[in-house]
Amino acid sequence: MSRMVPFFGVFTSLAALAAAQSGLSVTGFGYSLPANAITAAPGQMMNVSVAGLNLTLDGPVQGIPDSNGLPLQLRGVSVDFVQGPVTVQLGIRGMQQSSCSKTSPCAVSTTISLQIPYELDPGSTDGALLRIKLNGTVAGEVAIHPVTDSVHIMNTCDQNMVYLSVAYSVPPGICVPMVEHASGALVSGSAPALPGERLVVYAYGLGAPNHPAPPGCCSIPEELPLVAQPFVINFRYPDTNVDLQTRVIGGVTPAYAGVVGSGLYQVQLVVPPTPAALPLCGGFTRGNLSVQIAGPQSSDSASICVQGQ
C-alpha cells in the first residue's frame, strides 16, 4: 500500500477544554481540518490543530521515516504523550498551517499529524495529554479524553498524510470510502460488489490490538495483531420489492479485523444477500448499500455500490 494526503464527533466543548490548555489554544482535533473534539483511542491516527504555536511553515511538511521510524521532531516541533508515569515521544507524520486573509485578522492554525500510542489506557484514572514543544520548550498541553475505540472508515478526503495508491483513481474533491475488492480495486458504480463477496475496508480508531505485531510479521495467522474489543457489521439497503422499505441486517461479525500498519486497520466483511431490484448506483459517490462498523463506544458508516442478484 502507499496513498493519501491529511476527524470528529463532539464529545467535549472547546470552551470547557480551554482551561486544560496552557500557551496554545486548540482549534481542531481529528481526521479532517479542523474539528472541535478532543477524544482518542489507543493507536488512533489523527490530526491535532492548535493556534498559538510560534512557527511559520511555507507549506505542508512531511515527516520522512528512516530505519528508526518517523522523526520525533519536525521543524523544531515535538510531541510527548503523557499519562501518569508513562511518557512516549511521538513520531510526527507531517505538519501544515492554515492561511490568513490579508484583509481580516485570524490566528494561524498549525496541524500536526500523528498517532496516539497504544500505551493510552482508557481505563486508567490518570489523566492523559499531549505535550507540544517547540525547540525543546513546552508550548502547551492538550487534554485527551480516552476511549476504547473511535471508528472512522478511511476515505479519500482524509488529510493525515497516509497514502494509498488506489485512491489516485478518484477525482480530486470526491470523498470515497476505502472499500476494496479482494483484487485491490475500489468498489464503485463501474466495479460494484457482489452478494457473497468478501470486501476489505480500511479504517482508523479501532483501538488496542490483542498483542503487538512481532518483528517480520506475519508468517502464521497466530502472529496477526487482531483488535482486542468486539466489533459488529450492520448493513442497510432499500428493498424496492417491499414498498420501498429499508432493510437492516445487523450484528454480523467481521471476517477479520486487525492492525495492518501504523494506525491503520483492516476490516473484512462478506456482502449479504440483497434483492434483485436494488436502486441503481453510479460513479464513486452514489451507493445503494450502507455498511456500518460498530464498536463498544463508536461507529462509522460508508455507502457502497452492490449489484442486485
Protein backbone atom coordinates (compact mmCIF):
# COMPACT_ATOMS: atom_id res chain seq x y z
CA MET A 1 0.00 0.00 0.00
CA SER A 2 1.04 3.51 -0.48
CA ARG A 3 -1.90 6.96 -0.72
CA MET A 4 -3.32 9.81 1.00
CA VAL A 5 -2.62 13.42 1.98
CA PRO A 6 -4.38 14.61 5.79
CA PHE A 7 -11.63 13.66 12.33
CA PHE A 8 -14.55 14.16 14.53
CA GLY A 9 -17.81 13.92 16.66
CA VAL A 10 -18.18 16.36 19.54
CA PHE A 11 -17.61 14.88 22.99
CA THR A 12 -16.34 17.93 24.86
CA SER A 13 -16.76 21.59 24.03
CA LEU A 14 -13.74 23.66 23.11
CA ALA A 15 -14.58 26.18 25.81
CA ALA A 16 -14.58 23.51 28.51
CA LEU A 17 -11.20 22.29 27.35
CA ALA A 18 -9.57 25.71 27.27
CA ALA A 19 -8.82 25.56 30.97
CA ALA A 20 -6.80 22.37 30.38
CA GLN A 21 -4.51 24.11 27.90
CA SER A 22 -1.57 26.41 28.53
CA GLY A 23 0.02 28.66 25.93
CA LEU A 24 -1.80 27.07 22.98
CA SER A 25 -5.47 27.14 22.05
CA VAL A 26 -6.91 24.05 20.38
CA THR A 27 -8.65 24.71 17.07
CA GLY A 28 -9.28 21.17 15.97
CA PHE A 29 -8.67 17.50 16.54
CA GLY A 30 -9.31 14.54 14.29
CA TYR A 31 -9.04 13.27 10.71
CA SER A 32 -10.09 16.41 8.84
CA LEU A 33 -9.17 20.09 9.09
CA PRO A 34 -10.26 21.04 11.72
CA ALA A 35 -12.86 19.68 14.17
CA ASN A 36 -13.60 20.64 17.78
CA ALA A 37 -13.36 17.33 19.63
CA ILE A 38 -10.50 16.02 21.72
CA THR A 39 -11.04 12.30 22.08
CA ALA A 40 -8.70 9.43 21.27
CA ALA A 41 -8.41 5.66 21.24
CA PRO A 42 -5.20 3.66 21.58
CA GLY A 43 -3.36 3.58 18.26
CA GLN A 44 -5.57 6.21 16.65
CA MET A 45 -4.24 8.16 13.69
CA MET A 46 -5.33 11.79 13.77
CA ASN A 47 -4.61 15.46 13.21
CA VAL A 48 -4.22 17.91 16.08
CA SER A 49 -4.79 21.56 15.11
CA VAL A 50 -3.63 24.28 17.50
CA ALA A 51 -3.31 28.06 17.41
CA GLY A 52 -0.58 30.00 19.19
CA LEU A 53 2.43 27.95 18.13
CA ASN A 54 5.17 30.43 17.24
CA LEU A 55 6.07 28.73 13.96
CA THR A 56 5.81 29.63 10.29
CA LEU A 57 5.65 26.99 7.57
CA ASP A 58 5.91 27.80 3.88
CA GLY A 59 3.75 24.76 3.03
CA PRO A 60 2.96 21.22 4.15
CA VAL A 61 5.94 19.40 5.68
CA GLN A 62 6.06 15.63 5.66
CA GLY A 63 7.99 13.55 8.16
CA ILE A 64 10.24 11.17 6.27
CA PRO A 65 10.69 7.87 8.13
CA ASP A 66 14.09 6.24 8.45
CA SER A 67 15.21 2.95 9.97
CA ASN A 68 14.04 4.23 13.38
CA GLY A 69 10.60 5.24 12.11
CA LEU A 70 9.02 8.70 11.81
CA PRO A 71 11.01 11.73 13.04
CA LEU A 72 10.47 12.65 16.68
CA GLN A 73 10.98 16.33 15.82
CA LEU A 74 9.89 18.24 12.73
CA ARG A 75 10.81 21.90 12.18
CA GLY A 76 11.56 22.12 15.91
CA VAL A 77 8.18 20.69 16.92
CA SER A 78 7.97 17.57 19.11
CA VAL A 79 5.02 15.94 20.87
CA ASP A 80 5.01 13.84 24.06
CA PHE A 81 2.13 11.63 25.13
CA VAL A 82 1.81 11.64 28.94
CA GLN A 83 -0.47 9.55 31.14
CA GLY A 84 0.53 9.07 34.77
CA PRO A 85 4.06 7.63 34.87
CA VAL A 86 4.01 6.88 31.11
CA THR A 87 5.67 9.28 28.68
CA VAL A 88 6.05 8.46 24.97
CA GLN A 89 7.63 10.76 22.42
CA LEU A 90 5.54 10.53 19.27
CA GLY A 91 6.69 10.32 15.68
CA ILE A 92 5.35 13.17 13.53
CA ARG A 93 3.85 12.20 10.18
CA GLY A 94 3.59 15.76 8.94
CA MET A 95 2.55 19.36 9.62
CA GLN A 96 0.70 22.09 7.77
CA GLN A 97 -0.75 25.50 8.55
CA SER A 98 -3.91 27.40 7.68
CA SER A 99 -3.60 30.68 5.85
CA CYS A 100 -5.00 34.04 6.99
CA SER A 101 -6.68 36.59 4.78
CA LYS A 102 -4.73 39.82 4.29
CA THR A 103 -7.91 41.83 4.97
CA SER A 104 -9.12 40.12 8.15
CA PRO A 105 -7.23 39.04 11.29
CA CYS A 106 -7.07 35.40 12.32
CA ALA A 107 -4.93 33.03 14.33
CA VAL A 108 -2.76 30.78 12.20
CA SER A 109 -3.60 27.16 12.97
CA THR A 110 -0.86 24.53 12.91
CA THR A 111 -2.00 20.96 12.23
CA ILE A 112 0.19 18.07 13.38
CA SER A 113 -0.45 14.57 12.01
CA LEU A 114 0.43 11.85 14.49
CA GLN A 115 -0.61 8.53 16.01
CA ILE A 116 -1.84 8.17 19.58
CA PRO A 117 0.28 5.40 21.14
CA TYR A 118 -1.16 2.05 22.18
CA GLU A 119 0.04 2.92 25.69
CA LEU A 120 -3.08 5.11 26.11
CA ASP A 121 -5.16 3.36 28.81
CA PRO A 122 -8.90 4.26 28.64
CA GLY A 123 -9.48 2.50 31.98
CA SER A 124 -6.84 4.43 33.89
CA THR A 125 -7.70 7.08 36.49
CA ASP A 126 -4.64 9.06 35.37
CA GLY A 127 -5.33 11.95 33.05
CA ALA A 128 -3.84 11.81 29.56
CA LEU A 129 -2.44 14.66 27.50
CA LEU A 130 -0.29 15.65 24.55
CA ARG A 131 2.60 17.96 25.47
CA ILE A 132 3.62 20.05 22.45
CA LYS A 133 7.13 21.51 22.44
CA LEU A 134 8.90 23.96 20.17
CA ASN A 135 12.69 23.71 20.15
CA GLY A 136 12.54 21.72 23.38
CA THR A 137 10.39 24.25 25.26
CA VAL A 138 6.82 23.33 26.22
CA ALA A 139 4.43 25.45 24.15
CA GLY A 140 1.24 23.95 25.59
CA GLU A 141 -0.63 20.85 26.66
CA VAL A 142 -3.70 19.29 25.06
CA ALA A 143 -6.01 17.22 27.28
CA ILE A 144 -7.19 13.85 25.92
CA HIS A 145 -10.47 12.11 26.64
CA PRO A 146 -9.55 8.40 26.28
CA VAL A 147 -11.98 5.92 24.70
CA THR A 148 -11.59 2.27 23.75
CA ASP A 149 -12.45 2.95 20.10
CA SER A 150 -13.25 5.87 17.81
CA VAL A 151 -14.07 4.28 14.47
CA HIS A 152 -13.50 6.14 11.22
CA ILE A 153 -13.73 4.44 7.82
CA MET A 154 -10.87 5.84 5.78
CA ASN A 155 -11.82 7.93 2.75
CA THR A 156 -10.04 9.82 0.01
CA CYS A 157 -10.64 13.21 1.68
CA ASP A 158 -8.79 12.35 4.89
CA GLN A 159 -5.75 14.57 5.29
CA ASN A 160 -3.39 12.80 7.65
CA MET A 161 -0.54 12.11 5.26
CA VAL A 162 -1.30 8.40 4.85
CA TYR A 163 -1.17 7.40 1.19
CA LEU A 164 -2.96 4.56 -0.57
CA SER A 165 -2.12 4.33 -4.27
CA VAL A 166 -5.57 3.02 -5.24
CA ALA A 167 -7.09 6.40 -4.29
CA TYR A 168 -5.34 8.13 -7.19
CA SER A 169 -8.12 6.87 -9.46
CA VAL A 170 -10.61 9.12 -7.64
CA PRO A 171 -11.14 12.69 -8.95
CA PRO A 172 -9.97 15.45 -6.58
CA GLY A 173 -12.55 16.67 -4.08
CA ILE A 174 -14.66 13.50 -4.16
CA CYS A 175 -14.77 11.64 -0.86
CA VAL A 176 -14.81 7.90 -1.47
CA PRO A 177 -14.66 5.29 1.31
CA MET A 178 -11.67 2.98 1.14
CA VAL A 179 -13.66 -0.21 0.48
CA GLU A 180 -11.92 -2.59 -1.89
CA HIS A 181 -12.45 -5.81 -3.75
CA ALA A 182 -10.02 -8.63 -2.96
CA SER A 183 -8.18 -7.58 -6.13
CA GLY A 184 -7.42 -4.18 -4.57
CA ALA A 185 -9.77 -2.16 -6.82
CA LEU A 186 -12.12 0.31 -5.15
CA VAL A 187 -15.80 -0.63 -5.03
CA SER A 188 -17.69 1.78 -7.32
CA GLY A 189 -20.60 2.02 -9.74
CA SER A 190 -18.43 0.62 -12.51
CA ALA A 191 -16.99 -2.07 -10.23
CA PRO A 192 -19.85 -2.97 -7.84
CA ALA A 193 -19.61 -5.53 -5.07
CA LEU A 194 -21.47 -8.82 -5.43
CA PRO A 195 -23.61 -10.56 -2.79
CA GLY A 196 -21.43 -13.12 -1.03
CA GLU A 197 -18.19 -11.31 -1.99
CA ARG A 198 -15.59 -10.58 0.68
CA LEU A 199 -14.61 -6.91 0.79
CA VAL A 200 -11.77 -5.11 2.54
CA VAL A 201 -12.46 -1.90 4.49
CA TYR A 202 -9.61 0.31 5.74
CA ALA A 203 -10.27 2.23 8.96
CA TYR A 204 -8.76 4.12 11.89
CA GLY A 205 -9.55 4.19 15.58
CA LEU A 206 -10.36 0.53 16.31
CA GLY A 207 -8.25 0.64 19.46
CA ALA A 208 -5.74 -1.68 21.05
CA PRO A 209 -4.69 -4.95 19.40
CA ASN A 210 -4.74 -8.23 21.29
CA HIS A 211 -0.93 -8.36 21.06
CA PRO A 212 1.88 -6.35 19.42
CA ALA A 213 2.98 -7.30 15.92
CA PRO A 214 6.16 -9.39 16.15
CA PRO A 215 9.24 -8.41 14.09
CA GLY A 216 8.85 -9.55 10.49
CA CYS A 217 5.12 -10.14 10.96
CA CYS A 218 3.42 -12.24 9.91
CA SER A 219 4.25 -15.75 8.74
CA ILE A 220 1.43 -17.58 10.55
CA PRO A 221 -2.15 -16.46 11.35
CA GLU A 222 -1.48 -16.51 15.09
CA GLU A 223 1.03 -13.66 14.67
CA LEU A 224 -1.59 -11.30 13.25
CA PRO A 225 -2.47 -8.50 15.72
CA LEU A 226 -6.28 -8.58 15.89
CA VAL A 227 -8.39 -5.89 17.56
CA ALA A 228 -8.92 -6.55 21.27
CA GLN A 229 -12.55 -5.41 21.56
CA PRO A 230 -15.54 -6.79 19.64
CA PHE A 231 -16.90 -5.08 16.51
CA VAL A 232 -20.03 -5.83 14.52
CA ILE A 233 -21.07 -5.03 10.96
CA ASN A 234 -24.54 -3.62 10.22
CA PHE A 235 -25.93 -3.34 6.68
CA ARG A 236 -28.82 -1.19 5.48
CA TYR A 237 -30.35 -1.18 2.00
CA PRO A 238 -33.63 -0.06 0.35
CA ASP A 239 -35.80 -3.04 -0.61
CA THR A 240 -37.87 -1.93 -3.61
CA ASN A 241 -39.79 -5.21 -3.54
CA VAL A 242 -41.41 -4.37 -0.17
CA ASP A 243 -42.99 -0.92 -0.53
CA LEU A 244 -39.64 0.88 -0.58
CA GLN A 245 -38.87 -0.23 2.98
CA THR A 246 -35.35 -0.13 4.32
CA ARG A 247 -33.97 -3.48 5.36
CA VAL A 248 -31.36 -3.80 8.09
CA ILE A 249 -29.03 -6.71 8.66
CA GLY A 250 -27.24 -6.29 11.97
CA GLY A 251 -24.85 -7.96 14.33
CA VAL A 252 -22.69 -9.62 11.69
CA THR A 253 -19.20 -10.50 12.91
CA PRO A 254 -16.36 -9.22 10.68
CA ALA A 255 -14.50 -11.95 8.82
CA TYR A 256 -11.32 -10.23 10.02
CA ALA A 257 -10.48 -7.08 12.00
CA GLY A 258 -6.87 -6.26 12.81
CA VAL A 259 -3.92 -3.89 12.56
CA VAL A 260 -2.18 -3.78 9.17
CA GLY A 261 0.04 -0.71 9.56
CA SER A 262 0.89 2.30 11.70
CA GLY A 263 -2.56 3.27 13.00
CA LEU A 264 -4.24 1.58 10.02
CA TYR A 265 -6.77 -1.24 10.48
CA GLN A 266 -8.33 -3.65 8.03
CA VAL A 267 -11.87 -5.00 8.41
CA GLN A 268 -13.02 -7.77 6.11
CA LEU A 269 -16.73 -8.39 5.59
CA VAL A 270 -18.98 -10.52 3.39
CA VAL A 271 -21.67 -8.73 1.37
CA PRO A 272 -25.12 -10.04 2.44
CA PRO A 273 -27.83 -11.28 0.06
CA THR A 274 -29.76 -8.37 -1.42
CA PRO A 275 -32.88 -8.15 -3.62
CA ALA A 276 -32.56 -8.04 -7.39
CA ALA A 277 -34.39 -4.70 -7.64
CA LEU A 278 -31.87 -2.52 -5.83
CA PRO A 279 -31.77 1.17 -6.84
CA LEU A 280 -29.15 1.99 -9.41
CA CYS A 281 -25.87 3.39 -8.22
CA GLY A 282 -23.13 5.07 -10.15
CA GLY A 283 -19.67 6.53 -10.06
CA PHE A 284 -17.89 6.61 -6.74
CA THR A 285 -20.45 8.57 -4.72
CA ARG A 286 -23.93 7.07 -5.32
CA GLY A 287 -24.18 3.78 -3.43
CA ASN A 288 -27.11 1.51 -2.55
CA LEU A 289 -25.78 -0.36 0.50
CA SER A 290 -24.74 1.26 3.79
CA VAL A 291 -22.02 -0.57 5.71
CA GLN A 292 -21.55 0.33 9.38
CA ILE A 293 -18.64 -0.76 11.59
CA ALA A 294 -19.75 -0.52 15.24
CA GLY A 295 -17.59 -0.90 18.34
CA PRO A 296 -18.24 -0.58 22.08
CA GLN A 297 -18.03 3.24 22.01
CA SER A 298 -18.27 4.35 18.39
CA SER A 299 -19.34 3.55 14.84
CA ASP A 300 -18.93 4.83 11.30
CA SER A 301 -20.68 4.07 8.02
CA ALA A 302 -19.85 4.01 4.33
CA SER A 303 -22.14 3.86 1.31
CA ILE A 304 -21.06 1.41 -1.39
CA CYS A 305 -22.43 0.07 -4.65
CA VAL A 306 -23.74 -3.53 -4.80
CA GLN A 307 -25.06 -5.35 -7.83
CA GLY A 308 -28.56 -6.82 -7.38
CA GLN A 309 -28.93 -10.56 -7.60
